[in-house]
Amino acid sequence: MARRTTTVAELTAEMQKRIESSNELDGDCRGCEAPGIYVLRKPDETGCNWAPSAYRGAPACAQVIALIVREFQARYNVRK
């Protein structure tokens, strides 16, 4: 599947929407913030050209946020 290209701001906003609509952990992670985005110098082994910053929210939600980030890494690249 080809990745869509978007801006860092748009990608962050879309991830935030996904987090806010999540039902994982009975919706307890809806108040968490999307992690920041680092643009990589070259794509990683999967072809993704960005990585998330460290997650700083509720520890119980770390795995949920990581799954959402991986979902978005498979679907999007960012414009440099």
PDB file of N, CA and C in Angstrom:
ATOM      1  N   MET A   1       0.840  -1.174   0.000  1.00  0.00           N
ATOM      2  CA  MET A   1       0.000   0.000   0.000  1.00  0.00           C
ATOM      3  C   MET A   1       0.890   1.244   0.000  1.00  0.00           C
ATOM      4  N   ALA A   2       0.616   2.152  -0.890  1.00  0.00           N
ATOM      5  CA  ALA A   2       1.380   3.390  -0.965  1.00  0.00           C
ATOM      6  C   ALA A   2       0.962   4.331   0.160  1.00  0.00           C
ATOM      7  N   ARG A   3       1.935   4.998   0.730  1.00  0.00           N
ATOM      8  CA  ARG A   3       1.638   5.953   1.799  1.00  0.00           C
ATOM      9  C   ARG A   3       1.175   7.273   1.205  1.00  0.00           C
ATOM     10  N   ARG A   4       0.246   7.896   1.895  1.00  0.00           N
ATOM     11  CA  ARG A   4      -0.160   9.249   1.533  1.00  0.00           C
ATOM     12  C   ARG A   4       0.854  10.213   2.125  1.00  0.00           C
ATOM     13  N   THR A   5       1.083  11.317   1.440  1.00  0.00           N
ATOM     14  CA  THR A   5       2.007  12.341   1.927  1.00  0.00           C
ATOM     15  C   THR A   5       1.192  13.493   2.508  1.00  0.00           C
ATOM     16  N   THR A   6       1.604  13.952   3.679  1.00  0.00           N
ATOM     17  CA  THR A   6       0.889  15.007   4.376  1.00  0.00           C
ATOM     18  C   THR A   6       1.887  15.863   5.148  1.00  0.00           C
ATOM     19  N   THR A   7       1.406  16.925   5.752  1.00  0.00           N
ATOM     20  CA  THR A   7       2.286  17.775   6.565  1.00  0.00           C
ATOM     21  C   THR A   7       2.343  17.227   7.990  1.00  0.00           C
ATOM     22  N   VAL A   8       3.340  17.660   8.727  1.00  0.00           N
ATOM     23  CA  VAL A   8       3.467  17.255  10.127  1.00  0.00           C
ATOM     24  C   VAL A   8       2.228  17.703  10.901  1.00  0.00           C
ATOM     25  N   ALA A   9       1.764  18.929  10.658  1.00  0.00           N
ATOM     26  CA  ALA A   9       0.592  19.448  11.373  1.00  0.00           C
ATOM     27  C   ALA A   9      -0.658  18.621  11.064  1.00  0.00           C
ATOM     28  N   GLU A  10      -0.860  18.292   9.810  1.00  0.00           N
ATOM     29  CA  GLU A  10      -2.032  17.498   9.439  1.00  0.00           C
ATOM     30  C   GLU A  10      -1.958  16.093  10.028  1.00  0.00           C
ATOM     31  N   LEU A  11      -0.776  15.497   9.996  1.00  0.00           N
ATOM     32  CA  LEU A  11      -0.598  14.158  10.544  1.00  0.00           C
ATOM     33  C   LEU A  11      -0.857  14.146  12.048  1.00  0.00           C
ATOM     34  N   THR A  12      -0.328  15.129  12.737  1.00  0.00           N
ATOM     35  CA  THR A  12      -0.551  15.227  14.178  1.00  0.00           C
ATOM     36  C   THR A  12      -2.037  15.392  14.483  1.00  0.00           C
ATOM     37  N   ALA A  13      -2.717  16.233  13.723  1.00  0.00           N
ATOM     38  CA  ALA A  13      -4.151  16.455  13.927  1.00  0.00           C
ATOM     39  C   ALA A  13      -4.950  15.180  13.673  1.00  0.00           C
ATOM     40  N   GLU A  14      -4.598  14.432  12.636  1.00  0.00           N
ATOM     41  CA  GLU A  14      -5.307  13.181  12.342  1.00  0.00           C
ATOM     42  C   GLU A  14      -5.059  12.131  13.426  1.00  0.00           C
ATOM     43  N   MET A  15      -3.827  12.053  13.911  1.00  0.00           N
ATOM     44  CA  MET A  15      -3.550  11.121  15.009  1.00  0.00           C
ATOM     45  C   MET A  15      -4.335  11.518  16.256  1.00  0.00           C
ATOM     46  N   GLN A  16      -4.413  12.824  16.527  1.00  0.00           N
ATOM     47  CA  GLN A  16      -5.151  13.293  17.688  1.00  0.00           C
ATOM     48  C   GLN A  16      -6.626  12.921  17.578  1.00  0.00           C
ATOM     49  N   LYS A  17      -7.201  13.073  16.395  1.00  0.00           N
ATOM     50  CA  LYS A  17      -8.601  12.682  16.186  1.00  0.00           C
ATOM     51  C   LYS A  17      -8.791  11.195  16.452  1.00  0.00           C
ATOM     52  N   ARG A  18      -7.853  10.396  15.970  1.00  0.00           N
ATOM     53  CA  ARG A  18      -7.935   8.938  16.169  1.00  0.00           C
ATOM     54  C   ARG A  18      -7.853   8.587  17.650  1.00  0.00           C
ATOM     55  N   ILE A  19      -6.970   9.260  18.381  1.00  0.00           N
ATOM     56  CA  ILE A  19      -6.837   9.030  19.822  1.00  0.00           C
ATOM     57  C   ILE A  19      -8.124   9.419  20.535  1.00  0.00           C
ATOM     58  N   GLU A  20      -8.675  10.576  20.179  1.00  0.00           N
ATOM     59  CA  GLU A  20      -9.878  11.068  20.843  1.00  0.00           C
ATOM     60  C   GLU A  20     -11.105  10.215  20.552  1.00  0.00           C
ATOM     61  N   SER A  21     -11.076   9.447  19.487  1.00  0.00           N
ATOM     62  CA  SER A  21     -12.222   8.594  19.159  1.00  0.00           C
ATOM     63  C   SER A  21     -11.981   7.132  19.548  1.00  0.00           C
ATOM     64  N   SER A  22     -10.857   6.853  20.195  1.00  0.00           N
ATOM     65  CA  SER A  22     -10.522   5.467  20.522  1.00  0.00           C
ATOM     66  C   SER A  22     -11.427   4.912  21.614  1.00  0.00           C
ATOM     67  N   ASN A  23     -11.722   3.650  21.482  1.00  0.00           N
ATOM     68  CA  ASN A  23     -12.521   2.949  22.491  1.00  0.00           C
ATOM     69  C   ASN A  23     -11.674   2.002  23.329  1.00  0.00           C
ATOM     70  N   GLU A  24     -10.373   1.939  23.019  1.00  0.00           N
ATOM     71  CA  GLU A  24      -9.486   1.068  23.766  1.00  0.00           C
ATOM     72  C   GLU A  24      -9.467   1.488  25.234  1.00  0.00           C
ATOM     73  N   LEU A  25      -9.311   0.520  26.102  1.00  0.00           N
ATOM     74  CA  LEU A  25      -9.308   0.746  27.560  1.00  0.00           C
ATOM     75  C   LEU A  25     -10.547   1.534  27.996  1.00  0.00           C
ATOM     76  N   ASP A  26     -11.679   1.179  27.412  1.00  0.00           N
ATOM     77  CA  ASP A  26     -12.965   1.829  27.725  1.00  0.00           C
ATOM     78  C   ASP A  26     -12.922   3.335  27.497  1.00  0.00           C
ATOM     79  N   GLY A  27     -12.128   3.770  26.523  1.00  0.00           N
ATOM     80  CA  GLY A  27     -12.059   5.191  26.195  1.00  0.00           C
ATOM     81  C   GLY A  27     -11.177   6.007  27.118  1.00  0.00           C
ATOM     82  N   ASP A  28     -10.460   5.359  28.009  1.00  0.00           N
ATOM     83  CA  ASP A  28      -9.634   6.082  28.981  1.00  0.00           C
ATOM     84  C   ASP A  28      -8.488   6.870  28.354  1.00  0.00           C
ATOM     85  N   CYS A  29      -8.134   6.553  27.106  1.00  0.00           N
ATOM     86  CA  CYS A  29      -6.997   7.227  26.463  1.00  0.00           C
ATOM     87  C   CYS A  29      -7.420   8.413  25.602  1.00  0.00           C
ATOM     88  N   ARG A  30      -8.694   8.696  25.553  1.00  0.00           N
ATOM     89  CA  ARG A  30      -9.192   9.783  24.693  1.00  0.00           C
ATOM     90  C   ARG A  30      -8.609  11.146  25.035  1.00  0.00           C
ATOM     91  N   GLY A  31      -8.202  11.343  26.269  1.00  0.00           N
ATOM     92  CA  GLY A  31      -7.634  12.623  26.674  1.00  0.00           C
ATOM     93  C   GLY A  31      -6.125  12.734  26.459  1.00  0.00           C
ATOM     94  N   CYS A  32      -5.522  11.678  25.954  1.00  0.00           N
ATOM     95  CA  CYS A  32      -4.071  11.692  25.727  1.00  0.00           C
ATOM     96  C   CYS A  32      -3.732  12.524  24.494  1.00  0.00           C
ATOM     97  N   GLU A  33      -2.532  13.078  24.481  1.00  0.00           N
ATOM     98  CA  GLU A  33      -2.071  13.866  23.340  1.00  0.00           C
ATOM     99  C   GLU A  33      -1.256  13.013  22.389  1.00  0.00           C
ATOM    100  N   ALA A  34      -1.408  13.309  21.110  1.00  0.00           N
ATOM    101  CA  ALA A  34      -0.597  12.638  20.099  1.00  0.00           C
ATOM    102  C   ALA A  34       0.870  13.019  20.318  1.00  0.00           C
ATOM    103  N   PRO A  35       1.775  12.085  20.101  1.00  0.00           N
ATOM    104  CA  PRO A  35       3.192  12.418  20.252  1.00  0.00           C
ATOM    105  C   PRO A  35       3.641  13.357  19.139  1.00  0.00           C
ATOM    106  N   GLY A  36       4.734  14.057  19.385  1.00  0.00           N
ATOM    107  CA  GLY A  36       5.319  14.881  18.339  1.00  0.00           C
ATOM    108  C   GLY A  36       5.898  14.005  17.235  1.00  0.00           C
ATOM    109  N   ILE A  37       6.303  14.634  16.156  1.00  0.00           N
ATOM    110  CA  ILE A  37       6.809  13.895  14.998  1.00  0.00           C
ATOM    111  C   ILE A  37       8.186  14.416  14.620  1.00  0.00           C
ATOM    112  N   TYR A  38       9.103  13.475  14.436  1.00  0.00           N
ATOM    113  CA  TYR A  38      10.442  13.788  13.929  1.00  0.00           C
ATOM    114  C   TYR A  38      10.532  13.298  12.500  1.00  0.00           C
ATOM    115  N   VAL A  39      10.967  14.164  11.606  1.00  0.00           N
ATOM    116  CA  VAL A  39      11.180  13.754  10.220  1.00  0.00           C
ATOM    117  C   VAL A  39      12.565  13.121  10.137  1.00  0.00           C
ATOM    118  N   LEU A  40      12.624  11.929   9.583  1.00  0.00           N
ATOM    119  CA  LEU A  40      13.887  11.205   9.465  1.00  0.00           C
ATOM    120  C   LEU A  40      14.675  11.668   8.241  1.00  0.00           C
ATOM    121  N   ARG A  41      15.994  11.563   8.297  1.00  0.00           N
ATOM    122  CA  ARG A  41      16.833  11.923   7.150  1.00  0.00           C
ATOM    123  C   ARG A  41      16.572  11.021   5.962  1.00  0.00           C
ATOM    124  N   LYS A  42      16.352   9.749   6.250  1.00  0.00           N
ATOM    125  CA  LYS A  42      15.997   8.794   5.201  1.00  0.00           C
ATOM    126  C   LYS A  42      14.949   7.849   5.765  1.00  0.00           C
ATOM    127  N   PRO A  43      14.091   7.305   4.927  1.00  0.00           N
ATOM    128  CA  PRO A  43      13.037   6.408   5.416  1.00  0.00           C
ATOM    129  C   PRO A  43      13.621   5.211   6.168  1.00  0.00           C
ATOM    130  N   ASP A  44      12.844   4.691   7.107  1.00  0.00           N
ATOM    131  CA  ASP A  44      13.261   3.503   7.833  1.00  0.00           C
ATOM    132  C   ASP A  44      13.094   2.263   6.954  1.00  0.00           C
ATOM    133  N   GLU A  45      13.292   1.091   7.536  1.00  0.00           N
ATOM    134  CA  GLU A  45      13.251  -0.156   6.762  1.00  0.00           C
ATOM    135  C   GLU A  45      11.872  -0.454   6.172  1.00  0.00           C
ATOM    136  N   THR A  46      10.818   0.181   6.702  1.00  0.00           N
ATOM    137  CA  THR A  46       9.475  -0.029   6.153  1.00  0.00           C
ATOM    138  C   THR A  46       9.097   1.021   5.114  1.00  0.00           C
ATOM    139  N   GLY A  47       9.942   2.059   4.979  1.00  0.00           N
ATOM    140  CA  GLY A  47       9.660   3.135   4.038  1.00  0.00           C
ATOM    141  C   GLY A  47       9.049   4.368   4.673  1.00  0.00           C
ATOM    142  N   CYS A  48       8.838   4.329   5.980  1.00  0.00           N
ATOM    143  CA  CYS A  48       8.269   5.479   6.691  1.00  0.00           C
ATOM    144  C   CYS A  48       9.360   6.522   6.921  1.00  0.00           C
ATOM    145  N   ASN A  49       9.013   7.796   6.714  1.00  0.00           N
ATOM    146  CA  ASN A  49      10.030   8.838   6.857  1.00  0.00           C
ATOM    147  C   ASN A  49       9.865   9.701   8.101  1.00  0.00           C
ATOM    148  N   TRP A  50       9.131   9.210   9.089  1.00  0.00           N
ATOM    149  CA  TRP A  50       8.985   9.944  10.346  1.00  0.00           C
ATOM    150  C   TRP A  50       8.931   8.971  11.522  1.00  0.00           C
ATOM    151  N   ALA A  51       9.184   9.529  12.708  1.00  0.00           N
ATOM    152  CA  ALA A  51       9.134   8.747  13.942  1.00  0.00           C
ATOM    153  C   ALA A  51       8.484   9.607  15.017  1.00  0.00           C
ATOM    154  N   PRO A  52       7.836   8.977  15.991  1.00  0.00           N
ATOM    155  CA  PRO A  52       7.213   9.755  17.065  1.00  0.00           C
ATOM    156  C   PRO A  52       8.224  10.160  18.128  1.00  0.00           C
ATOM    157  N   SER A  53       7.928  11.267  18.799  1.00  0.00           N
ATOM    158  CA  SER A  53       8.727  11.629  19.964  1.00  0.00           C
ATOM    159  C   SER A  53       8.297  10.716  21.111  1.00  0.00           C
ATOM    160  N   ALA A  54       8.957  10.830  22.221  1.00  0.00           N
ATOM    161  CA  ALA A  54       8.621  10.003  23.381  1.00  0.00           C
ATOM    162  C   ALA A  54       7.210  10.331  23.856  1.00  0.00           C
ATOM    163  N   TYR A  55       6.455   9.296  24.199  1.00  0.00           N
ATOM    164  CA  TYR A  55       5.100   9.468  24.723  1.00  0.00           C
ATOM    165  C   TYR A  55       5.188   9.908  26.169  1.00  0.00           C
ATOM    166  N   ARG A  56       4.409  10.924  26.530  1.00  0.00           N
ATOM    167  CA  ARG A  56       4.481  11.476  27.882  1.00  0.00           C
ATOM    168  C   ARG A  56       3.141  11.440  28.620  1.00  0.00           C
ATOM    169  N   GLY A  57       2.207  10.626  28.154  1.00  0.00           N
ATOM    170  CA  GLY A  57       0.881  10.573  28.774  1.00  0.00           C
ATOM    171  C   GLY A  57       0.770   9.487  29.824  1.00  0.00           C
ATOM    172  N   ALA A  58      -0.470   9.098  30.084  1.00  0.00           N
ATOM    173  CA  ALA A  58      -0.757   8.081  31.086  1.00  0.00           C
ATOM    174  C   ALA A  58      -0.068   6.767  30.722  1.00  0.00           C
ATOM    175  N   PRO A  59       0.670   6.179  31.655  1.00  0.00           N
ATOM    176  CA  PRO A  59       1.386   4.931  31.368  1.00  0.00           C
ATOM    177  C   PRO A  59       0.476   3.817  30.838  1.00  0.00           C
ATOM    178  N   ALA A  60      -0.741   3.747  31.334  1.00  0.00           N
ATOM    179  CA  ALA A  60      -1.662   2.697  30.889  1.00  0.00           C
ATOM    180  C   ALA A  60      -2.008   2.829  29.410  1.00  0.00           C
ATOM    181  N   CYS A  61      -1.871   4.026  28.858  1.00  0.00           N
ATOM    182  CA  CYS A  61      -2.244   4.273  27.465  1.00  0.00           C
ATOM    183  C   CYS A  61      -1.069   4.159  26.492  1.00  0.00           C
ATOM    184  N   ALA A  62       0.122   3.956  26.993  1.00  0.00           N
ATOM    185  CA  ALA A  62       1.309   3.932  26.128  1.00  0.00           C
ATOM    186  C   ALA A  62       1.173   2.911  24.995  1.00  0.00           C
ATOM    187  N   GLN A  63       0.686   1.727  25.300  1.00  0.00           N
ATOM    188  CA  GLN A  63       0.560   0.699  24.268  1.00  0.00           C
ATOM    189  C   GLN A  63      -0.517   1.074  23.244  1.00  0.00           C
ATOM    190  N   VAL A  64      -1.599   1.660  23.699  1.00  0.00           N
ATOM    191  CA  VAL A  64      -2.668   2.092  22.788  1.00  0.00           C
ATOM    192  C   VAL A  64      -2.139   3.151  21.836  1.00  0.00           C
ATOM    193  N   ILE A  65      -1.434   4.131  22.366  1.00  0.00           N
ATOM    194  CA  ILE A  65      -0.875   5.196  21.537  1.00  0.00           C
ATOM    195  C   ILE A  65       0.147   4.621  20.561  1.00  0.00           C
ATOM    196  N   ALA A  66       0.969   3.677  21.009  1.00  0.00           N
ATOM    197  CA  ALA A  66       1.964   3.051  20.119  1.00  0.00           C
ATOM    198  C   ALA A  66       1.287   2.335  18.958  1.00  0.00           C
ATOM    199  N   LEU A  67       0.180   1.661  19.212  1.00  0.00           N
ATOM    200  CA  LEU A  67      -0.549   0.987  18.131  1.00  0.00           C
ATOM    201  C   LEU A  67      -1.110   1.991  17.126  1.00  0.00           C
ATOM    202  N   ILE A  68      -1.631   3.099  17.626  1.00  0.00           N
ATOM    203  CA  ILE A  68      -2.158   4.140  16.739  1.00  0.00           C
ATOM    204  C   ILE A  68      -1.029   4.735  15.907  1.00  0.00           C
ATOM    205  N   VAL A  69       0.107   4.995  16.533  1.00  0.00           N
ATOM    206  CA  VAL A  69       1.261   5.542  15.797  1.00  0.00           C
ATOM    207  C   VAL A  69       1.685   4.576  14.692  1.00  0.00           C
ATOM    208  N   ARG A  70       1.776   3.290  14.999  1.00  0.00           N
ATOM    209  CA  ARG A  70       2.180   2.316  13.977  1.00  0.00           C
ATOM    210  C   ARG A  70       1.177   2.267  12.827  1.00  0.00           C
ATOM    211  N   GLU A  71      -0.097   2.388  13.156  1.00  0.00           N
ATOM    212  CA  GLU A  71      -1.139   2.441  12.131  1.00  0.00           C
ATOM    213  C   GLU A  71      -0.884   3.618  11.178  1.00  0.00           C
ATOM    214  N   PHE A  72      -0.557   4.767  11.735  1.00  0.00           N
ATOM    215  CA  PHE A  72      -0.316   5.954  10.927  1.00  0.00           C
ATOM    216  C   PHE A  72       1.021   5.886  10.193  1.00  0.00           C
ATOM    217  N   GLN A  73       2.022   5.258  10.793  1.00  0.00           N
ATOM    218  CA  GLN A  73       3.306   5.099  10.095  1.00  0.00           C
ATOM    219  C   GLN A  73       3.153   4.226   8.852  1.00  0.00           C
ATOM    220  N   ALA A  74       2.246   3.296   8.885  1.00  0.00           N
ATOM    221  CA  ALA A  74       2.006   2.434   7.716  1.00  0.00           C
ATOM    222  C   ALA A  74       1.239   3.162   6.617  1.00  0.00           C
ATOM    223  N   ARG A  75       0.523   4.223   6.980  1.00  0.00           N
ATOM    224  CA  ARG A  75      -0.353   4.909   6.019  1.00  0.00           C
ATOM    225  C   ARG A  75       0.173   6.237   5.505  1.00  0.00           C
ATOM    226  N   TYR A  76       1.080   6.896   6.270  1.00  0.00           N
ATOM    227  CA  TYR A  76       1.485   8.265   5.922  1.00  0.00           C
ATOM    228  C   TYR A  76       2.993   8.471   5.932  1.00  0.00           C
ATOM    229  N   ASN A  77       3.450   9.335   5.046  1.00  0.00           N
ATOM    230  CA  ASN A  77       4.766   9.944   5.105  1.00  0.00           C
ATOM    231  C   ASN A  77       4.549  11.445   5.204  1.00  0.00           C
ATOM    232  N   VAL A  78       5.559  12.168   5.667  1.00  0.00           N
ATOM    233  CA  VAL A  78       5.427  13.615   5.793  1.00  0.00           C
ATOM    234  C   VAL A  78       6.261  14.310   4.729  1.00  0.00           C
ATOM    235  N   ARG A  79       5.768  15.488   4.335  1.00  0.00           N
ATOM    236  CA  ARG A  79       6.516  16.316   3.375  1.00  0.00           C
ATOM    237  C   ARG A  79       7.716  16.909   4.088  1.00  0.00           C
ATOM    238  N   LYS A  80       8.826  16.958   3.385  1.00  0.00           N
ATOM    239  CA  LYS A  80      10.050  17.537   3.966  1.00  0.00           C
ATOM    240  C   LYS A  80      10.178  18.968   3.532  1.00  0.00           C
TER     241      LYS A  80
END
